[in-house]
Amino acid sequence: MAQAFPEQIHTIRYEDLIRRPIEAYTDILGHFGFSLDGSEKHTACFEGALAATTPDALKDVERLQGHALGIPELQVSHMRGGEVGKWKKWFASDDLDYANKQLNMVGLALDDFVLQ
């Protein structure tokens, strides 16, 4: 999709959001045509956005809402802590095979991703 619609699709790796959030968010802003001008106001807004989107902050929002983000029917959090690579504890080889088949339907494969 990103190759077919580069103006509409911008891929950000989860690992980058966790390990290098400032660079990842700056990249997202750039995709939408925004840049930080270095002003105190921009810096404060940017830092506020970073703080509001940490895994712990998002879990707090879910607790306040009483349901998972964006899914009122789901009463438990879908946030799993934000650790990179933790997925390996949750998925068996059958799960990975299923994910790979689903990705293949849109021209992707697990091998296209860095699985850390």
N, C-alpha and C. Protein backbone atom coordinates (compact mmCIF):
# COMPACT_ATOMS: atom_id res chain seq x y z
N MET A 1 0.82 -1.19 0.00
CA MET A 1 0.00 0.00 0.00
C MET A 1 0.87 1.26 0.00
N ALA A 2 1.96 1.22 0.75
CA ALA A 2 2.83 2.39 0.82
C ALA A 2 3.44 2.69 -0.55
N GLN A 3 3.75 1.64 -1.32
CA GLN A 3 4.31 1.86 -2.65
C GLN A 3 3.25 2.38 -3.61
N ALA A 4 2.04 1.89 -3.48
CA ALA A 4 0.96 2.32 -4.37
C ALA A 4 0.44 3.72 -4.01
N PHE A 5 0.45 4.05 -2.72
CA PHE A 5 -0.10 5.33 -2.26
C PHE A 5 0.87 6.02 -1.30
N PRO A 6 2.05 6.40 -1.78
CA PRO A 6 3.06 6.96 -0.88
C PRO A 6 2.63 8.25 -0.17
N GLU A 7 1.71 8.97 -0.77
CA GLU A 7 1.25 10.20 -0.13
C GLU A 7 0.30 9.93 1.04
N GLN A 8 -0.40 8.79 0.99
CA GLN A 8 -1.38 8.48 2.02
C GLN A 8 -0.88 7.50 3.09
N ILE A 9 0.07 6.66 2.74
CA ILE A 9 0.53 5.61 3.65
C ILE A 9 1.96 5.92 4.08
N HIS A 10 2.17 5.91 5.38
CA HIS A 10 3.52 6.13 5.92
C HIS A 10 3.74 5.08 7.01
N THR A 11 4.70 4.24 6.83
CA THR A 11 4.94 3.13 7.75
C THR A 11 5.92 3.53 8.83
N ILE A 12 5.54 3.27 10.06
CA ILE A 12 6.41 3.50 11.21
C ILE A 12 6.53 2.18 11.95
N ARG A 13 7.75 1.75 12.19
CA ARG A 13 7.95 0.50 12.93
C ARG A 13 7.68 0.72 14.41
N TYR A 14 7.00 -0.23 15.02
CA TYR A 14 6.73 -0.17 16.45
C TYR A 14 8.02 -0.02 17.24
N GLU A 15 9.03 -0.76 16.83
CA GLU A 15 10.32 -0.70 17.52
C GLU A 15 10.88 0.72 17.53
N ASP A 16 10.67 1.45 16.43
CA ASP A 16 11.15 2.83 16.37
C ASP A 16 10.34 3.74 17.29
N LEU A 17 9.03 3.50 17.37
CA LEU A 17 8.21 4.30 18.29
C LEU A 17 8.67 4.12 19.73
N ILE A 18 9.05 2.91 20.09
CA ILE A 18 9.46 2.63 21.46
C ILE A 18 10.90 3.07 21.71
N ARG A 19 11.80 2.73 20.80
CA ARG A 19 13.23 2.99 21.04
C ARG A 19 13.65 4.42 20.71
N ARG A 20 13.03 5.03 19.71
CA ARG A 20 13.41 6.37 19.27
C ARG A 20 12.16 7.21 19.02
N PRO A 21 11.38 7.47 20.08
CA PRO A 21 10.10 8.16 19.87
C PRO A 21 10.23 9.56 19.29
N ILE A 22 11.24 10.30 19.67
CA ILE A 22 11.38 11.66 19.13
C ILE A 22 11.58 11.62 17.62
N GLU A 23 12.47 10.75 17.16
CA GLU A 23 12.71 10.65 15.72
C GLU A 23 11.48 10.12 14.99
N ALA A 24 10.81 9.14 15.59
CA ALA A 24 9.62 8.57 14.95
C ALA A 24 8.50 9.61 14.82
N TYR A 25 8.25 10.36 15.88
CA TYR A 25 7.20 11.37 15.82
C TYR A 25 7.58 12.52 14.89
N THR A 26 8.85 12.88 14.86
CA THR A 26 9.30 13.90 13.92
C THR A 26 9.07 13.43 12.49
N ASP A 27 9.33 12.16 12.24
CA ASP A 27 9.10 11.57 10.93
C ASP A 27 7.61 11.62 10.57
N ILE A 28 6.75 11.30 11.52
CA ILE A 28 5.30 11.35 11.29
C ILE A 28 4.87 12.78 10.96
N LEU A 29 5.34 13.73 11.74
CA LEU A 29 5.02 15.13 11.47
C LEU A 29 5.44 15.54 10.06
N GLY A 30 6.64 15.10 9.68
CA GLY A 30 7.14 15.42 8.34
C GLY A 30 6.27 14.85 7.24
N HIS A 31 5.77 13.64 7.46
CA HIS A 31 4.88 13.02 6.46
C HIS A 31 3.64 13.88 6.23
N PHE A 32 3.15 14.51 7.28
CA PHE A 32 1.95 15.34 7.16
C PHE A 32 2.27 16.80 6.83
N GLY A 33 3.55 17.07 6.55
CA GLY A 33 3.93 18.41 6.13
C GLY A 33 4.20 19.38 7.26
N PHE A 34 4.39 18.89 8.46
CA PHE A 34 4.68 19.75 9.60
C PHE A 34 6.13 19.58 10.03
N SER A 35 6.65 20.61 10.61
CA SER A 35 7.99 20.51 11.19
C SER A 35 8.01 21.36 12.46
N LEU A 36 8.90 21.02 13.34
CA LEU A 36 9.06 21.79 14.56
C LEU A 36 9.94 22.99 14.25
N ASP A 37 9.52 24.16 14.70
CA ASP A 37 10.30 25.35 14.41
C ASP A 37 11.26 25.70 15.54
N GLY A 38 11.30 24.85 16.57
CA GLY A 38 12.21 25.10 17.69
C GLY A 38 11.66 26.06 18.71
N SER A 39 10.46 26.58 18.48
CA SER A 39 9.88 27.52 19.43
C SER A 39 9.50 26.80 20.71
N GLU A 40 9.40 27.56 21.77
CA GLU A 40 9.03 26.99 23.07
C GLU A 40 7.65 26.34 23.00
N LYS A 41 6.73 26.97 22.28
CA LYS A 41 5.38 26.43 22.15
C LYS A 41 5.40 25.08 21.41
N HIS A 42 6.10 25.01 20.29
CA HIS A 42 6.18 23.75 19.54
C HIS A 42 6.84 22.66 20.37
N THR A 43 7.91 23.02 21.04
CA THR A 43 8.63 22.04 21.86
C THR A 43 7.74 21.52 22.97
N ALA A 44 7.01 22.40 23.63
CA ALA A 44 6.12 21.98 24.73
C ALA A 44 5.01 21.08 24.21
N CYS A 45 4.42 21.42 23.07
CA CYS A 45 3.35 20.59 22.48
C CYS A 45 3.90 19.23 22.09
N PHE A 46 5.06 19.21 21.49
CA PHE A 46 5.68 17.96 21.06
C PHE A 46 5.98 17.07 22.26
N GLU A 47 6.58 17.63 23.29
CA GLU A 47 6.88 16.86 24.50
C GLU A 47 5.61 16.37 25.18
N GLY A 48 4.56 17.19 25.15
CA GLY A 48 3.27 16.76 25.71
C GLY A 48 2.68 15.59 24.95
N ALA A 49 2.79 15.64 23.61
CA ALA A 49 2.29 14.54 22.79
C ALA A 49 3.07 13.27 23.06
N LEU A 50 4.38 13.37 23.19
CA LEU A 50 5.20 12.20 23.50
C LEU A 50 4.79 11.60 24.84
N ALA A 51 4.63 12.45 25.84
CA ALA A 51 4.27 11.96 27.17
C ALA A 51 2.89 11.32 27.18
N ALA A 52 1.97 11.85 26.38
CA ALA A 52 0.60 11.33 26.35
C ALA A 52 0.47 10.02 25.61
N THR A 53 1.49 9.63 24.85
CA THR A 53 1.38 8.42 24.03
C THR A 53 2.33 7.30 24.46
N THR A 54 2.87 7.40 25.65
CA THR A 54 3.67 6.28 26.16
C THR A 54 2.72 5.13 26.49
N PRO A 55 3.21 3.90 26.50
CA PRO A 55 2.34 2.78 26.87
C PRO A 55 1.65 2.99 28.22
N ASP A 56 2.36 3.49 29.21
CA ASP A 56 1.75 3.71 30.52
C ASP A 56 0.66 4.78 30.47
N ALA A 57 0.89 5.85 29.72
CA ALA A 57 -0.12 6.90 29.60
C ALA A 57 -1.36 6.39 28.89
N LEU A 58 -1.17 5.56 27.86
CA LEU A 58 -2.32 5.01 27.14
C LEU A 58 -3.10 4.03 28.01
N LYS A 59 -2.40 3.28 28.85
CA LYS A 59 -3.10 2.39 29.80
C LYS A 59 -3.92 3.22 30.78
N ASP A 60 -3.39 4.36 31.21
CA ASP A 60 -4.15 5.24 32.11
C ASP A 60 -5.44 5.73 31.44
N VAL A 61 -5.36 6.07 30.16
CA VAL A 61 -6.55 6.50 29.42
C VAL A 61 -7.58 5.37 29.39
N GLU A 62 -7.11 4.15 29.13
CA GLU A 62 -8.03 3.01 29.12
C GLU A 62 -8.70 2.84 30.48
N ARG A 63 -7.92 2.96 31.55
CA ARG A 63 -8.50 2.82 32.89
C ARG A 63 -9.56 3.88 33.14
N LEU A 64 -9.29 5.11 32.74
CA LEU A 64 -10.26 6.19 32.92
C LEU A 64 -11.53 5.95 32.11
N GLN A 65 -11.37 5.43 30.90
CA GLN A 65 -12.52 5.17 30.03
C GLN A 65 -13.27 3.90 30.44
N GLY A 66 -12.57 2.99 31.09
CA GLY A 66 -13.18 1.73 31.49
C GLY A 66 -13.21 0.69 30.38
N HIS A 67 -12.44 0.91 29.31
CA HIS A 67 -12.37 -0.05 28.21
C HIS A 67 -11.12 0.20 27.39
N ALA A 68 -10.83 -0.73 26.51
CA ALA A 68 -9.66 -0.62 25.64
C ALA A 68 -9.80 0.57 24.70
N LEU A 69 -8.69 1.13 24.31
CA LEU A 69 -8.71 2.27 23.39
C LEU A 69 -9.44 1.91 22.10
N GLY A 70 -10.42 2.71 21.76
CA GLY A 70 -11.12 2.55 20.50
C GLY A 70 -12.05 1.35 20.42
N ILE A 71 -12.15 0.56 21.51
CA ILE A 71 -12.98 -0.64 21.48
C ILE A 71 -13.81 -0.69 22.76
N PRO A 72 -14.94 0.02 22.80
CA PRO A 72 -15.74 0.07 24.03
C PRO A 72 -16.19 -1.30 24.53
N GLU A 73 -16.32 -2.27 23.61
CA GLU A 73 -16.79 -3.60 24.01
C GLU A 73 -15.70 -4.39 24.74
N LEU A 74 -14.46 -4.02 24.58
CA LEU A 74 -13.34 -4.74 25.18
C LEU A 74 -13.03 -4.13 26.54
N GLN A 75 -13.32 -4.89 27.58
CA GLN A 75 -13.17 -4.37 28.93
C GLN A 75 -11.76 -4.52 29.50
N VAL A 76 -10.89 -5.20 28.79
CA VAL A 76 -9.51 -5.35 29.25
C VAL A 76 -8.58 -4.62 28.30
N SER A 77 -7.46 -4.20 28.80
CA SER A 77 -6.50 -3.47 28.00
C SER A 77 -5.89 -4.36 26.93
N HIS A 78 -5.67 -3.78 25.77
CA HIS A 78 -4.91 -4.50 24.76
C HIS A 78 -3.46 -4.03 24.76
N MET A 79 -3.13 -3.15 25.69
CA MET A 79 -1.74 -2.70 25.84
C MET A 79 -0.98 -3.78 26.61
N ARG A 80 0.16 -4.17 26.10
CA ARG A 80 0.92 -5.27 26.69
C ARG A 80 2.25 -4.82 27.30
N GLY A 81 2.41 -3.53 27.52
CA GLY A 81 3.59 -3.06 28.22
C GLY A 81 4.58 -2.30 27.39
N GLY A 82 4.54 -2.43 26.08
CA GLY A 82 5.41 -1.65 25.23
C GLY A 82 6.80 -2.20 25.02
N GLU A 83 7.07 -3.40 25.53
CA GLU A 83 8.41 -3.94 25.35
C GLU A 83 8.58 -4.48 23.93
N VAL A 84 9.72 -4.19 23.36
CA VAL A 84 10.04 -4.70 22.03
C VAL A 84 10.38 -6.17 22.15
N GLY A 85 9.80 -6.99 21.27
CA GLY A 85 10.09 -8.42 21.25
C GLY A 85 9.24 -9.27 22.17
N LYS A 86 8.40 -8.64 22.97
CA LYS A 86 7.56 -9.40 23.90
C LYS A 86 6.56 -10.31 23.17
N TRP A 87 6.29 -9.97 21.92
CA TRP A 87 5.34 -10.76 21.13
C TRP A 87 5.75 -12.22 21.08
N LYS A 88 7.04 -12.49 21.19
CA LYS A 88 7.51 -13.87 21.09
C LYS A 88 6.94 -14.75 22.21
N LYS A 89 6.57 -14.13 23.33
CA LYS A 89 5.99 -14.88 24.44
C LYS A 89 4.53 -15.23 24.19
N TRP A 90 3.89 -14.53 23.28
CA TRP A 90 2.45 -14.66 23.08
C TRP A 90 2.08 -15.50 21.86
N PHE A 91 2.97 -15.62 20.89
CA PHE A 91 2.63 -16.28 19.64
C PHE A 91 3.38 -17.59 19.44
N ALA A 92 2.64 -18.61 19.07
CA ALA A 92 3.23 -19.90 18.73
C ALA A 92 3.50 -19.92 17.23
N SER A 93 4.16 -20.95 16.76
CA SER A 93 4.48 -21.02 15.33
C SER A 93 3.21 -21.05 14.47
N ASP A 94 2.13 -21.67 14.97
CA ASP A 94 0.86 -21.67 14.23
C ASP A 94 0.34 -20.24 14.05
N ASP A 95 0.50 -19.43 15.10
CA ASP A 95 0.05 -18.03 15.02
C ASP A 95 0.85 -17.27 13.97
N LEU A 96 2.15 -17.52 13.94
CA LEU A 96 3.00 -16.84 12.97
C LEU A 96 2.68 -17.30 11.55
N ASP A 97 2.39 -18.58 11.38
CA ASP A 97 1.98 -19.08 10.06
C ASP A 97 0.70 -18.38 9.60
N TYR A 98 -0.26 -18.25 10.51
CA TYR A 98 -1.52 -17.57 10.19
C TYR A 98 -1.26 -16.11 9.81
N ALA A 99 -0.43 -15.42 10.60
CA ALA A 99 -0.12 -14.02 10.30
C ALA A 99 0.55 -13.90 8.94
N ASN A 100 1.44 -14.82 8.65
CA ASN A 100 2.14 -14.79 7.36
C ASN A 100 1.15 -14.99 6.21
N LYS A 101 0.20 -15.89 6.37
CA LYS A 101 -0.81 -16.11 5.32
C LYS A 101 -1.65 -14.85 5.11
N GLN A 102 -2.00 -14.19 6.20
CA GLN A 102 -2.80 -12.97 6.08
C GLN A 102 -1.99 -11.87 5.40
N LEU A 103 -0.73 -11.74 5.74
CA LEU A 103 0.13 -10.75 5.10
C LEU A 103 0.31 -11.06 3.62
N ASN A 104 0.43 -12.35 3.29
CA ASN A 104 0.60 -12.76 1.89
C ASN A 104 -0.57 -12.29 1.03
N MET A 105 -1.75 -12.19 1.62
CA MET A 105 -2.94 -11.77 0.86
C MET A 105 -2.82 -10.33 0.38
N VAL A 106 -1.98 -9.53 1.02
CA VAL A 106 -1.78 -8.15 0.59
C VAL A 106 -0.37 -7.92 0.06
N GLY A 107 0.28 -9.02 -0.33
CA GLY A 107 1.59 -8.90 -0.96
C GLY A 107 2.75 -8.71 -0.01
N LEU A 108 2.56 -9.04 1.26
CA LEU A 108 3.63 -8.91 2.26
C LEU A 108 3.95 -10.27 2.85
N ALA A 109 5.01 -10.33 3.62
CA ALA A 109 5.39 -11.54 4.34
C ALA A 109 6.08 -11.14 5.64
N LEU A 110 6.07 -12.03 6.59
CA LEU A 110 6.77 -11.76 7.85
C LEU A 110 8.23 -11.42 7.61
N ASP A 111 8.81 -12.01 6.58
CA ASP A 111 10.21 -11.74 6.26
C ASP A 111 10.44 -10.27 5.85
N ASP A 112 9.36 -9.57 5.51
CA ASP A 112 9.48 -8.15 5.15
C ASP A 112 9.68 -7.27 6.37
N PHE A 113 9.51 -7.84 7.56
CA PHE A 113 9.59 -7.09 8.80
C PHE A 113 10.79 -7.52 9.62
N VAL A 114 11.27 -6.61 10.44
CA VAL A 114 12.33 -6.94 11.38
C VAL A 114 11.65 -7.45 12.63
N LEU A 115 11.81 -8.73 12.92
CA LEU A 115 11.16 -9.35 14.07
C LEU A 115 12.15 -9.46 15.22
N GLN A 116 12.13 -8.47 16.08
CA GLN A 116 13.11 -8.41 17.17
C GLN A 116 12.50 -8.83 18.49
